[in-house]
C-alpha atoms as a PDB file:
ATOM      1  CA  MET A   1      30.389-100.958  61.723  1.00  0.00           C
ATOM      2  CA  LYS A   2      27.003-101.310  59.687  1.00  0.00           C
ATOM      3  CA  LEU A   3      26.480-104.283  60.293  1.00  0.00           C
ATOM      4  CA  MET A   4      22.595-104.233  60.501  1.00  0.00           C
ATOM      5  CA  LYS A   5      21.622-101.764  57.683  1.00  0.00           C
ATOM      6  CA  TYR A   6      23.784-104.278  55.344  1.00  0.00           C
ATOM      7  CA  CYS A   7      21.912-106.731  55.882  1.00  0.00           C
ATOM      8  CA  LEU A   8      18.636-105.498  56.101  1.00  0.00           C
ATOM      9  CA  SER A   9      17.318-105.295  52.305  1.00  0.00           C
ATOM     10  CA  PRO A  10      15.705-101.375  51.326  1.00  0.00           C
ATOM     11  CA  ASN A  11      12.127-102.870  52.116  1.00  0.00           C
ATOM     12  CA  LYS A  12      13.195-104.184  55.521  1.00  0.00           C
ATOM     13  CA  LEU A  13      14.769-100.925  57.102  1.00  0.00           C
ATOM     14  CA  ALA A  14      11.893 -99.089  55.014  1.00  0.00           C
ATOM     15  CA  TRP A  15       9.292-101.192  57.486  1.00  0.00           C
ATOM     16  CA  LEU A  16      11.622-100.768  60.468  1.00  0.00           C
ATOM     17  CA  ARG A  17      10.899 -97.299  60.274  1.00  0.00           C
ATOM     18  CA  GLN A  18       7.760 -97.271  59.576  1.00  0.00           C
ATOM     19  CA  GLU A  19       7.222 -99.698  62.763  1.00  0.00           C
ATOM     20  CA  LEU A  20       9.601 -97.854  65.072  1.00  0.00           C
ATOM     21  CA  GLY A  21       9.387 -94.235  63.544  1.00  0.00           C
ATOM     22  CA  GLU A  22      12.292 -91.541  65.397  1.00  0.00           C
ATOM     23  CA  HIS A  23      13.669 -94.648  67.770  1.00  0.00           C
ATOM     24  CA  ALA A  24      14.928 -96.329  64.266  1.00  0.00           C
ATOM     25  CA  ASP A  25      17.753 -95.111  64.724  1.00  0.00           C
ATOM     26  CA  GLY A  26      18.732 -95.903  67.796  1.00  0.00           C
ATOM     27  CA  MET A  27      17.661 -99.577  67.651  1.00  0.00           C
ATOM     28  CA  ILE A  28      20.059 -99.675  64.936  1.00  0.00           C
ATOM     29  CA  ALA A  29      22.723 -98.041  66.339  1.00  0.00           C
ATOM     30  CA  THR A  30      22.494-100.132  68.963  1.00  0.00           C
ATOM     31  CA  MET A  31      22.655-103.145  67.303  1.00  0.00           C
ATOM     32  CA  ASP A  32      25.509-101.927  65.111  1.00  0.00           C
ATOM     33  CA  ALA A  33      27.250-101.457  68.796  1.00  0.00           C
ATOM     34  CA  ALA A  34      26.390-104.644  70.176  1.00  0.00           C
ATOM     35  CA  GLY A  35      28.388-106.355  67.129  1.00  0.00           C
ATOM     36  CA  SER A  36      31.389-104.130  66.959  1.00  0.00           C
ATOM     37  CA  ALA A  37      31.813-105.255  71.109  1.00  0.00           C
ATOM     38  CA  TYR A  38      31.035-108.372  70.443  1.00  0.00           C
ATOM     39  CA  LEU A  39      33.917-108.208  67.067  1.00  0.00           C
ATOM     40  CA  ALA A  40      36.420-106.362  70.014  1.00  0.00           C
ATOM     41  CA  GLN A  41      35.925-109.226  72.717  1.00  0.00           C
ATOM     42  CA  ALA A  42      37.144-112.217  69.906  1.00  0.00           C
ATOM     43  CA  VAL A  43      40.381-109.550  69.055  1.00  0.00           C
ATOM     44  CA  ALA A  44      41.112-108.705  72.426  1.00  0.00           C
ATOM     45  CA  PRO A  45      44.659-110.766  73.264  1.00  0.00           C
ATOM     46  CA  ASP A  46      43.134-112.204  76.099  1.00  0.00           C
ATOM     47  CA  THR A  47      40.428-114.410  74.045  1.00  0.00           C
ATOM     48  CA  LEU A  48      43.798-114.268  70.877  1.00  0.00           C
ATOM     49  CA  LEU A  49      45.322-115.588  73.576  1.00  0.00           C
ATOM     50  CA  ALA A  50      43.593-119.301  74.406  1.00  0.00           C
ATOM     51  CA  GLU A  51      44.199-119.695  70.597  1.00  0.00           C
ATOM     52  CA  LYS A  52      46.974-123.124  70.674  1.00  0.00           C
ATOM     53  CA  SER A  53      48.624-121.580  67.558  1.00  0.00           C
ATOM     54  CA  PRO A  54      49.936-117.667  67.069  1.00  0.00           C
ATOM     55  CA  VAL A  55      49.733-118.449  63.779  1.00  0.00           C
ATOM     56  CA  LYS A  56      45.856-118.728  63.830  1.00  0.00           C
ATOM     57  CA  ALA A  57      44.630-116.377  66.246  1.00  0.00           C
ATOM     58  CA  GLU A  58      46.764-113.623  64.066  1.00  0.00           C
ATOM     59  CA  ILE A  59      44.528-114.713  61.068  1.00  0.00           C
ATOM     60  CA  LEU A  60      41.425-114.677  62.959  1.00  0.00           C
ATOM     61  CA  ARG A  61      42.253-111.072  64.001  1.00  0.00           C
ATOM     62  CA  LEU A  62      43.198-109.674  60.058  1.00  0.00           C
ATOM     63  CA  LYS A  63      39.428-111.921  59.446  1.00  0.00           C
ATOM     64  CA  PHE A  64      37.238-110.153  61.980  1.00  0.00           C
ATOM     65  CA  ALA A  65      39.599-106.375  60.554  1.00  0.00           C
ATOM     66  CA  TRP A  66      39.011-107.211  57.367  1.00  0.00           C
ATOM     67  CA  PHE A  67      35.119-108.264  57.508  1.00  0.00           C
ATOM     68  CA  LYS A  68      34.156-104.888  59.095  1.00  0.00           C
ATOM     69  CA  GLN A  69      36.048-102.980  56.464  1.00  0.00           C
ATOM     70  CA  LYS A  70      33.770-105.075  54.206  1.00  0.00           C
ATOM     71  CA  MET A  71      31.118-103.226  56.155  1.00  0.00           C
ATOM     72  CA  ALA A  72      32.482 -99.983  56.068  1.00  0.00           C
ATOM     73  CA  LEU A  73      32.671 -99.939  52.145  1.00  0.00           C
ATOM     74  CA  VAL A  74      29.572-101.745  50.938  1.00  0.00           C
ATOM     75  CA  THR A  75      27.285 -99.831  52.943  1.00  0.00           C
ATOM     76  CA  ARG A  76      25.129 -97.820  51.397  1.00  0.00           C
ATOM     77  CA  LEU A  77      24.137 -94.406  53.193  1.00  0.00           C
ATOM     78  CA  ASP A  78      21.005 -92.618  52.791  1.00  0.00           C
ATOM     79  CA  ASP A  79      20.201 -88.996  51.298  1.00  0.00           C
ATOM     80  CA  ASN A  80      20.805 -87.431  55.273  1.00  0.00           C
ATOM     81  CA  GLU A  81      24.082 -89.339  55.161  1.00  0.00           C
ATOM     82  CA  LEU A  82      25.528 -88.231  52.416  1.00  0.00           C
ATOM     83  CA  ALA A  83      23.883 -84.534  52.485  1.00  0.00           C
ATOM     84  CA  GLN A  84      26.604 -84.477  55.979  1.00  0.00           C
ATOM     85  CA  LEU A  85      29.224 -85.064  53.664  1.00  0.00           C
ATOM     86  CA  SER A  86      31.885 -82.413  52.689  1.00  0.00           C
ATOM     87  CA  PRO A  87      30.810 -82.176  48.524  1.00  0.00           C
ATOM     88  CA  PHE A  88      33.452 -83.744  46.150  1.00  0.00           C
ATOM     89  CA  THR A  89      34.846 -80.394  44.956  1.00  0.00           C
ATOM     90  CA  LEU A  90      38.377 -80.200  41.424  1.00  0.00           C
ATOM     91  CA  ASN A  91      39.797 -79.201  44.723  1.00  0.00           C
ATOM     92  CA  GLY A  92      43.013 -77.898  42.755  1.00  0.00           C
ATOM     93  CA  ALA A  93      42.273 -80.175  40.093  1.00  0.00           C
ATOM     94  CA  LYS A  94      42.739 -79.159  36.262  1.00  0.00           C
ATOM     95  CA  VAL A  95      39.834 -79.317  33.353  1.00  0.00           C
ATOM     96  CA  VAL A  96      41.085 -79.224  30.459  1.00  0.00           C
ATOM     97  CA  LEU A  97      38.653 -78.828  26.990  1.00  0.00           C
ATOM     98  CA  VAL A  98      40.895 -80.829  24.409  1.00  0.00           C
ATOM     99  CA  GLN A  99      41.196 -78.332  21.025  1.00  0.00           C
ATOM    100  CA  SER A 100      42.499 -79.777  18.034  1.00  0.00           C
ATOM    101  CA  GLU A 101      46.178 -78.320  17.960  1.00  0.00           C
ATOM    102  CA  ASP A 102      46.714 -80.165  21.235  1.00  0.00           C
ATOM    103  CA  MET A 103      45.416 -83.415  20.856  1.00  0.00           C
ATOM    104  CA  ALA A 104      48.784 -84.680  20.237  1.00  0.00           C
ATOM    105  CA  SER A 105      50.725 -83.425  23.201  1.00  0.00           C
ATOM    106  CA  VAL A 106      47.715 -84.095  25.982  1.00  0.00           C
ATOM    107  CA  LEU A 107      47.647 -87.785  24.061  1.00  0.00           C
ATOM    108  CA  GLN A 108      51.286 -87.792  24.613  1.00  0.00           C
ATOM    109  CA  THR A 109      51.042 -86.800  28.446  1.00  0.00           C
ATOM    110  CA  LEU A 110      48.298 -89.362  28.874  1.00  0.00           C
ATOM    111  CA  SER A 111      50.211 -92.254  28.146  1.00  0.00           C
ATOM    112  CA  ARG A 112      52.098 -91.505  30.889  1.00  0.00           C
ATOM    113  CA  GLU A 113      50.467 -93.021  33.475  1.00  0.00           C
ATOM    114  CA  SER A 114      49.615 -96.165  34.196  1.00  0.00           C
ATOM    115  CA  VAL A 115      46.169 -95.499  35.905  1.00  0.00           C
ATOM    116  CA  LEU A 116      43.340 -92.994  33.807  1.00  0.00           C
ATOM    117  CA  GLY A 117      39.913 -91.957  35.507  1.00  0.00           C
ATOM    118  CA  PHE A 118      37.233 -92.270  32.383  1.00  0.00           C
ATOM    119  CA  ASP A 119      33.334 -91.325  31.763  1.00  0.00           C
ATOM    120  CA  THR A 120      31.884 -90.459  28.873  1.00  0.00           C
ATOM    121  CA  GLU A 121      28.736 -88.283  28.183  1.00  0.00           C
ATOM    122  CA  THR A 122      25.929 -88.467  25.114  1.00  0.00           C
ATOM    123  CA  ARG A 123      22.922 -85.905  24.758  1.00  0.00           C
ATOM    124  CA  ALA A 124      19.728 -87.673  26.224  1.00  0.00           C
ATOM    125  CA  SER A 125      16.773 -87.915  23.746  1.00  0.00           C
ATOM    126  CA  PHE A 126      13.228 -87.181  24.557  1.00  0.00           C
ATOM    127  CA  GLU A 127      12.369 -88.816  21.942  1.00  0.00           C
ATOM    128  CA  ALA A 128      11.389 -92.562  21.153  1.00  0.00           C
ATOM    129  CA  ASN A 129      13.512 -94.340  18.980  1.00  0.00           C
ATOM    130  CA  VAL A 130      15.901 -91.681  18.698  1.00  0.00           C
ATOM    131  CA  THR A 131      19.499 -91.864  20.071  1.00  0.00           C
ATOM    132  CA  HIS A 132      22.312 -89.199  19.371  1.00  0.00           C
ATOM    133  CA  PRO A 133      25.761 -89.998  19.007  1.00  0.00           C
ATOM    134  CA  LEU A 134      28.898 -90.097  21.984  1.00  0.00           C
ATOM    135  CA  SER A 135      29.404 -86.299  22.882  1.00  0.00           C
ATOM    136  CA  LEU A 136      31.839 -86.452  25.629  1.00  0.00           C
ATOM    137  CA  ILE A 137      35.013 -87.767  25.958  1.00  0.00           C
ATOM    138  CA  GLN A 138      36.720 -88.336  30.055  1.00  0.00           C
ATOM    139  CA  ILE A 139      40.009 -89.220  30.621  1.00  0.00           C
ATOM    140  CA  ALA A 140      41.665 -88.477  34.344  1.00  0.00           C
ATOM    141  CA  THR A 141      44.521 -87.854  36.028  1.00  0.00           C
ATOM    142  CA  HIS A 142      45.304 -87.481  39.689  1.00  0.00           C
ATOM    143  CA  ASP A 143      45.310 -84.037  39.329  1.00  0.00           C
ATOM    144  CA  THR A 144      44.308 -83.035  35.481  1.00  0.00           C
ATOM    145  CA  CYS A 145      40.913 -84.308  33.510  1.00  0.00           C
ATOM    146  CA  TYR A 146      40.663 -84.394  29.889  1.00  0.00           C
ATOM    147  CA  LEU A 147      37.747 -83.200  27.976  1.00  0.00           C
ATOM    148  CA  PHE A 148      37.513 -84.404  24.680  1.00  0.00           C
ATOM    149  CA  GLN A 149      34.026 -82.798  23.020  1.00  0.00           C
ATOM    150  CA  GLN A 150      33.210 -84.422  19.392  1.00  0.00           C
ATOM    151  CA  ALA A 151      31.584 -81.595  18.206  1.00  0.00           C
ATOM    152  CA  LEU A 152      35.068 -79.409  18.892  1.00  0.00           C
ATOM    153  CA  LEU A 153      37.355 -82.613  17.937  1.00  0.00           C
ATOM    154  CA  GLY A 154      35.253 -84.232  15.189  1.00  0.00           C
ATOM    155  CA  GLN A 155      37.181 -87.581  13.306  1.00  0.00           C
ATOM    156  CA  GLN A 156      40.277 -86.849  15.603  1.00  0.00           C
ATOM    157  CA  LEU A 157      38.560 -88.471  18.442  1.00  0.00           C
ATOM    158  CA  ALA A 158      39.201 -91.687  16.644  1.00  0.00           C
ATOM    159  CA  LEU A 159      43.016 -90.280  17.810  1.00  0.00           C
ATOM    160  CA  LEU A 160      41.660 -91.825  20.975  1.00  0.00           C
ATOM    161  CA  LYS A 161      42.555 -95.176  19.587  1.00  0.00           C
ATOM    162  CA  SER A 162      46.274 -95.892  20.892  1.00  0.00           C
ATOM    163  CA  LEU A 163      45.378 -95.048  24.283  1.00  0.00           C
ATOM    164  CA  LEU A 164      42.326 -96.701  25.158  1.00  0.00           C
ATOM    165  CA  GLU A 165      43.215 -99.877  23.828  1.00  0.00           C
ATOM    166  CA  ASP A 166      47.116 -99.393  24.888  1.00  0.00           C
ATOM    167  CA  GLU A 167      46.650-102.719  27.310  1.00  0.00           C
ATOM    168  CA  ALA A 168      49.307-100.953  30.134  1.00  0.00           C
ATOM    169  CA  ILE A 169      47.551 -98.503  31.220  1.00  0.00           C
ATOM    170  CA  LEU A 170      44.262 -99.390  33.364  1.00  0.00           C
ATOM    171  CA  LYS A 171      41.353 -97.366  32.441  1.00  0.00           C
ATOM    172  CA  VAL A 172      38.990 -97.167  35.305  1.00  0.00           C
ATOM    173  CA  GLY A 173      35.290 -96.109  35.825  1.00  0.00           C
ATOM    174  CA  ILE A 174      31.984 -96.532  37.035  1.00  0.00           C
ATOM    175  CA  GLY A 175      29.217 -98.439  34.709  1.00  0.00           C
ATOM    176  CA  LEU A 176      31.444 -98.779  32.221  1.00  0.00           C
ATOM    177  CA  ARG A 177      29.621-101.752  30.052  1.00  0.00           C
ATOM    178  CA  SER A 178      27.803 -99.071  28.402  1.00  0.00           C
ATOM    179  CA  ASP A 179      30.275 -96.305  27.755  1.00  0.00           C
ATOM    180  CA  ALA A 180      32.548 -99.473  26.045  1.00  0.00           C
ATOM    181  CA  GLN A 181      29.739-100.414  23.733  1.00  0.00           C
ATOM    182  CA  VAL A 182      29.176 -96.868  22.519  1.00  0.00           C
ATOM    183  CA  LEU A 183      32.532 -96.536  21.687  1.00  0.00           C
ATOM    184  CA  ARG A 184      33.417-100.025  20.321  1.00  0.00           C
ATOM    185  CA  ARG A 185      30.042 -99.579  18.521  1.00  0.00           C
ATOM    186  CA  GLU A 186      30.809 -96.158  17.303  1.00  0.00           C
ATOM    187  CA  TRP A 187      34.563 -95.525  16.857  1.00  0.00           C
ATOM    188  CA  GLY A 188      35.756 -98.581  16.350  1.00  0.00           C
ATOM    189  CA  ILE A 189      37.675 -98.574  20.041  1.00  0.00           C
ATOM    190  CA  ASN A 190      37.739-101.216  22.235  1.00  0.00           C
ATOM    191  CA  VAL A 191      38.588-100.184  25.492  1.00  0.00           C
ATOM    192  CA  VAL A 192      41.163-102.515  27.564  1.00  0.00           C
ATOM    193  CA  PRO A 193      42.234-102.859  29.950  1.00  0.00           C
ATOM    194  CA  ARG A 194      39.199-101.518  32.164  1.00  0.00           C
ATOM    195  CA  LEU A 195      37.683-101.657  35.935  1.00  0.00           C
ATOM    196  CA  ASP A 196      34.321-101.142  36.940  1.00  0.00           C
ATOM    197  CA  LEU A 197      34.464-100.252  40.269  1.00  0.00           C
ATOM    198  CA  ASN A 198      31.172-101.463  40.723  1.00  0.00           C
ATOM    199  CA  TRP A 199      32.334-104.658  39.736  1.00  0.00           C
ATOM    200  CA  ALA A 200      35.229-104.092  42.569  1.00  0.00           C
ATOM    201  CA  MET A 201      32.973-103.035  45.263  1.00  0.00           C
ATOM    202  CA  ALA A 202      30.356-106.455  44.958  1.00  0.00           C
ATOM    203  CA  GLN A 203      33.610-108.444  45.115  1.00  0.00           C
ATOM    204  CA  LEU A 204      33.064-107.087  48.496  1.00  0.00           C
ATOM    205  CA  GLY A 205      29.848-108.377  48.864  1.00  0.00           C
ATOM    206  CA  ALA A 206      27.822-104.918  47.673  1.00  0.00           C
ATOM    207  CA  GLY A 207      24.609-106.373  46.502  1.00  0.00           C
ATOM    208  CA  LYS A 208      23.546-104.230  43.906  1.00  0.00           C
ATOM    209  CA  GLU A 209      25.632-101.790  41.588  1.00  0.00           C
ATOM    210  CA  MET A 210      26.021 -99.067  43.803  1.00  0.00           C
ATOM    211  CA  GLY A 211      26.487 -96.192  41.445  1.00  0.00           C
ATOM    212  CA  THR A 212      29.164 -93.279  42.097  1.00  0.00           C
ATOM    213  CA  ARG A 213      27.076 -91.449  44.647  1.00  0.00           C
ATOM    214  CA  GLN A 214      27.550 -94.326  46.832  1.00  0.00           C
ATOM    215  CA  LEU A 215      31.695 -95.116  45.872  1.00  0.00           C
ATOM    216  CA  VAL A 216      32.491 -91.917  46.788  1.00  0.00           C
ATOM    217  CA  ALA A 217      30.716 -91.728  49.759  1.00  0.00           C
ATOM    218  CA  ALA A 218      31.722 -94.719  50.747  1.00  0.00           C
ATOM    219  CA  LEU A 219      35.432 -94.553  49.721  1.00  0.00           C
ATOM    220  CA  LEU A 220      36.430 -90.587  50.068  1.00  0.00           C
ATOM    221  CA  GLN A 221      33.903 -89.679  52.707  1.00  0.00           C
ATOM    222  CA  ARG A 222      32.682 -86.971  50.090  1.00  0.00           C
ATOM    223  CA  HIS A 223      29.136 -86.511  48.317  1.00  0.00           C
ATOM    224  CA  ILE A 224      28.925 -86.060  44.792  1.00  0.00           C
ATOM    225  CA  GLN A 225      26.713 -83.713  43.198  1.00  0.00           C
ATOM    226  CA  LYS A 226      24.615 -85.276  40.391  1.00  0.00           C
ATOM    227  CA  PRO A 227      21.817 -82.762  39.028  1.00  0.00           C
ATOM    228  CA  LYS A 228      19.224 -84.229  36.097  1.00  0.00           C
ATOM    229  CA  LYS A 229      19.613 -80.892  34.726  1.00  0.00           C
ATOM    230  CA  VAL A 230      23.052 -81.213  33.924  1.00  0.00           C
ATOM    231  CA  THR A 231      22.933 -84.529  33.367  1.00  0.00           C
ATOM    232  CA  LEU A 232      20.277 -84.192  30.856  1.00  0.00           C
ATOM    233  CA  SER A 233      21.546 -81.717  29.101  1.00  0.00           C
ATOM    234  CA  ASN A 234      22.533 -81.512  25.545  1.00  0.00           C
ATOM    235  CA  TRP A 235      26.423 -82.433  25.987  1.00  0.00           C
ATOM    236  CA  GLN A 236      27.169 -81.464  21.782  1.00  0.00           C
ATOM    237  CA  GLN A 237      26.605 -77.801  22.280  1.00  0.00           C
ATOM    238  CA  LEU A 238      28.953 -75.799  21.663  1.00  0.00           C
ATOM    239  CA  PRO A 239      30.694 -74.105  23.598  1.00  0.00           C
ATOM    240  CA  LEU A 240      30.055 -76.018  27.510  1.00  0.00           C
ATOM    241  CA  SER A 241      28.240 -74.665  30.146  1.00  0.00           C
ATOM    242  CA  ASN A 242      30.727 -74.240  33.158  1.00  0.00           C
ATOM    243  CA  MET A 243      28.452 -76.548  34.903  1.00  0.00           C
ATOM    244  CA  GLN A 244      28.741 -79.375  32.383  1.00  0.00           C
ATOM    245  CA  ILE A 245      32.538 -78.820  32.234  1.00  0.00           C
ATOM    246  CA  ASP A 246      32.774 -79.464  36.520  1.00  0.00           C
ATOM    247  CA  TYR A 247      29.681 -82.058  35.968  1.00  0.00           C
ATOM    248  CA  ALA A 248      31.911 -83.979  33.411  1.00  0.00           C
ATOM    249  CA  ALA A 249      35.435 -83.869  34.737  1.00  0.00           C
ATOM    250  CA  LEU A 250      34.065 -84.432  38.622  1.00  0.00           C
ATOM    251  CA  ASP A 251      32.695 -87.687  36.943  1.00  0.00           C
ATOM    252  CA  ALA A 252      35.918 -89.219  35.708  1.00  0.00           C
ATOM    253  CA  LEU A 253      37.858 -87.415  38.506  1.00  0.00           C
ATOM    254  CA  ALA A 254      35.972 -89.465  41.005  1.00  0.00           C
ATOM    255  CA  ALA A 255      36.830 -92.892  39.376  1.00  0.00           C
ATOM    256  CA  GLN A 256      40.886 -92.278  39.393  1.00  0.00           C
ATOM    257  CA  HIS A 257      40.736 -90.349  42.984  1.00  0.00           C
ATOM    258  CA  CYS A 258      38.008 -94.191  43.984  1.00  0.00           C
ATOM    259  CA  PHE A 259      40.746 -96.297  42.645  1.00  0.00           C
ATOM    260  CA  ILE A 260      43.588 -95.001  44.147  1.00  0.00           C
ATOM    261  CA  GLN A 261      41.991 -95.446  47.321  1.00  0.00           C
ATOM    262  CA  LEU A 262      40.500 -98.315  46.712  1.00  0.00           C
ATOM    263  CA  ILE A 263      43.977 -99.976  46.127  1.00  0.00           C
ATOM    264  CA  ALA A 264      45.304 -98.392  49.811  1.00  0.00           C
ATOM    265  CA  ILE A 265      42.095 -99.539  51.839  1.00  0.00           C
ATOM    266  CA  LEU A 266      43.094-103.157  50.628  1.00  0.00           C
ATOM    267  CA  LYS A 267      46.408-103.192  49.631  1.00  0.00           C
ATOM    268  CA  PRO A 268      47.207-104.302  53.820  1.00  0.00           C
ATOM    269  CA  PHE A 269      44.734-106.350  53.488  1.00  0.00           C
ATOM    270  CA  TYR A 270      46.292-108.280  50.485  1.00  0.00           C
ATOM    271  CA  ARG A 271      50.029-107.703  52.742  1.00  0.00           C
ATOM    272  CA  ALA A 272      48.360-109.336  55.551  1.00  0.00           C
ATOM    273  CA  GLY A 273      46.576-112.259  54.239  1.00  0.00           C
ATOM    274  CA  VAL A 274      49.728-112.925  52.117  1.00  0.00           C
ATOM    275  CA  GLY A 275      51.961-112.724  55.384  1.00  0.00           C
ATOM    276  CA  ALA A 276      49.573-115.451  57.090  1.00  0.00           C
ATOM    277  CA  GLY A 277      48.981-117.767  54.010  1.00  0.00           C
ATOM    278  CA  GLU A 278      45.728-117.592  53.475  1.00  0.00           C
ATOM    279  CA  SER A 279      44.291-114.989  50.879  1.00  0.00           C
ATOM    280  CA  LEU A 280      41.606-112.670  52.522  1.00  0.00           C
ATOM    281  CA  LEU A 281      40.065-110.844  48.711  1.00  0.00           C
ATOM    282  CA  SER A 282      38.141-112.402  46.278  1.00  0.00           C
ATOM    283  CA  PRO A 283      40.044-114.449  43.891  1.00  0.00           C
ATOM    284  CA  HIS A 284      38.772-112.444  41.499  1.00  0.00           C
ATOM    285  CA  LEU A 285      39.869-109.162  43.185  1.00  0.00           C
ATOM    286  CA  THR A 286      43.735-110.616  43.444  1.00  0.00           C
ATOM    287  CA  ALA A 287      44.070-111.428  40.170  1.00  0.00           C
ATOM    288  CA  ARG A 288      42.719-108.153  38.761  1.00  0.00           C
ATOM    289  CA  LEU A 289      44.520-105.670  41.450  1.00  0.00           C
ATOM    290  CA  SER A 290      47.237-107.532  42.458  1.00  0.00           C
ATOM    291  CA  HIS A 291      49.656-105.834  39.976  1.00  0.00           C
ATOM    292  CA  TYR A 292      48.619-102.375  41.654  1.00  0.00           C
ATOM    293  CA  PHE A 293      49.061-104.580  45.674  1.00  0.00           C
ATOM    294  CA  GLU A 294      52.481-104.797  44.801  1.00  0.00           C
ATOM    295  CA  GLN A 295      53.763-101.798  43.383  1.00  0.00           C
ATOM    296  CA  ALA A 296      55.376-100.148  46.162  1.00  0.00           C
ATOM    297  CA  ASN A 297      54.096 -96.972  46.415  1.00  0.00           C
ATOM    298  CA  GLY A 298      50.752 -97.441  44.973  1.00  0.00           C
ATOM    299  CA  PRO A 299      49.719 -97.041  41.203  1.00  0.00           C
ATOM    300  CA  GLY A 300      50.398 -93.604  39.775  1.00  0.00           C
END
């Protein structure tokens, strides 16, 4: 449990490190250990037996377990902690740079999915009042990421409308508002239904948007690289570099994998809360995700 790190604002944490130096981490760890010990005692069998109602005892146990799980999910890692994680890689996933002649078959394949990872890239502008059109759309299943480059496909990008507006397919991503706005403005595509993982984490108590690096760390225990030289590169260029292709694919795959893992983590608490007659998840989160919690084997 990382209660102290979660509760301390960045400014307070920085102050604590300045005041205590090398002893700061030890103090935080000691406080967290004390919190964990308290929760362990609170849900110990002897303590729970003191409850008059077995149902109330079970609800108490679930609430404390849920509290610890939320802390683990929404506590941010610092750069040193991120660097200690294994990298998030393609790990056998395929990347397909979609060609014009393959659009129909790719769209047919994607239309069979129930959840898709989603992201976009736009060429960065370094001039005032100059913006560039949408350059790339990334759509990922659990094992394949399809890259749709505007410079390669031209007006065929509009063929994505039926897929991205399919009500039966959830599009998940990180920071989706700007992506959706650009697609609506430039291509008349309304991305629905969609789920921003930043929103989901906010429902669990994240104080501000976590972003891709923190989400991948919290949910997958992996470190995703976000080098500026790639982020700000020319996404209109033909051909895209290998670094650009891998970067773009990893973003969409990360969103898809993070969503699947989030469902796996939350599902036991959703079902336990239903069984105990008391909701553990927020009503907003339950309303958005109950369909996926109730699927026998999770979203596919």
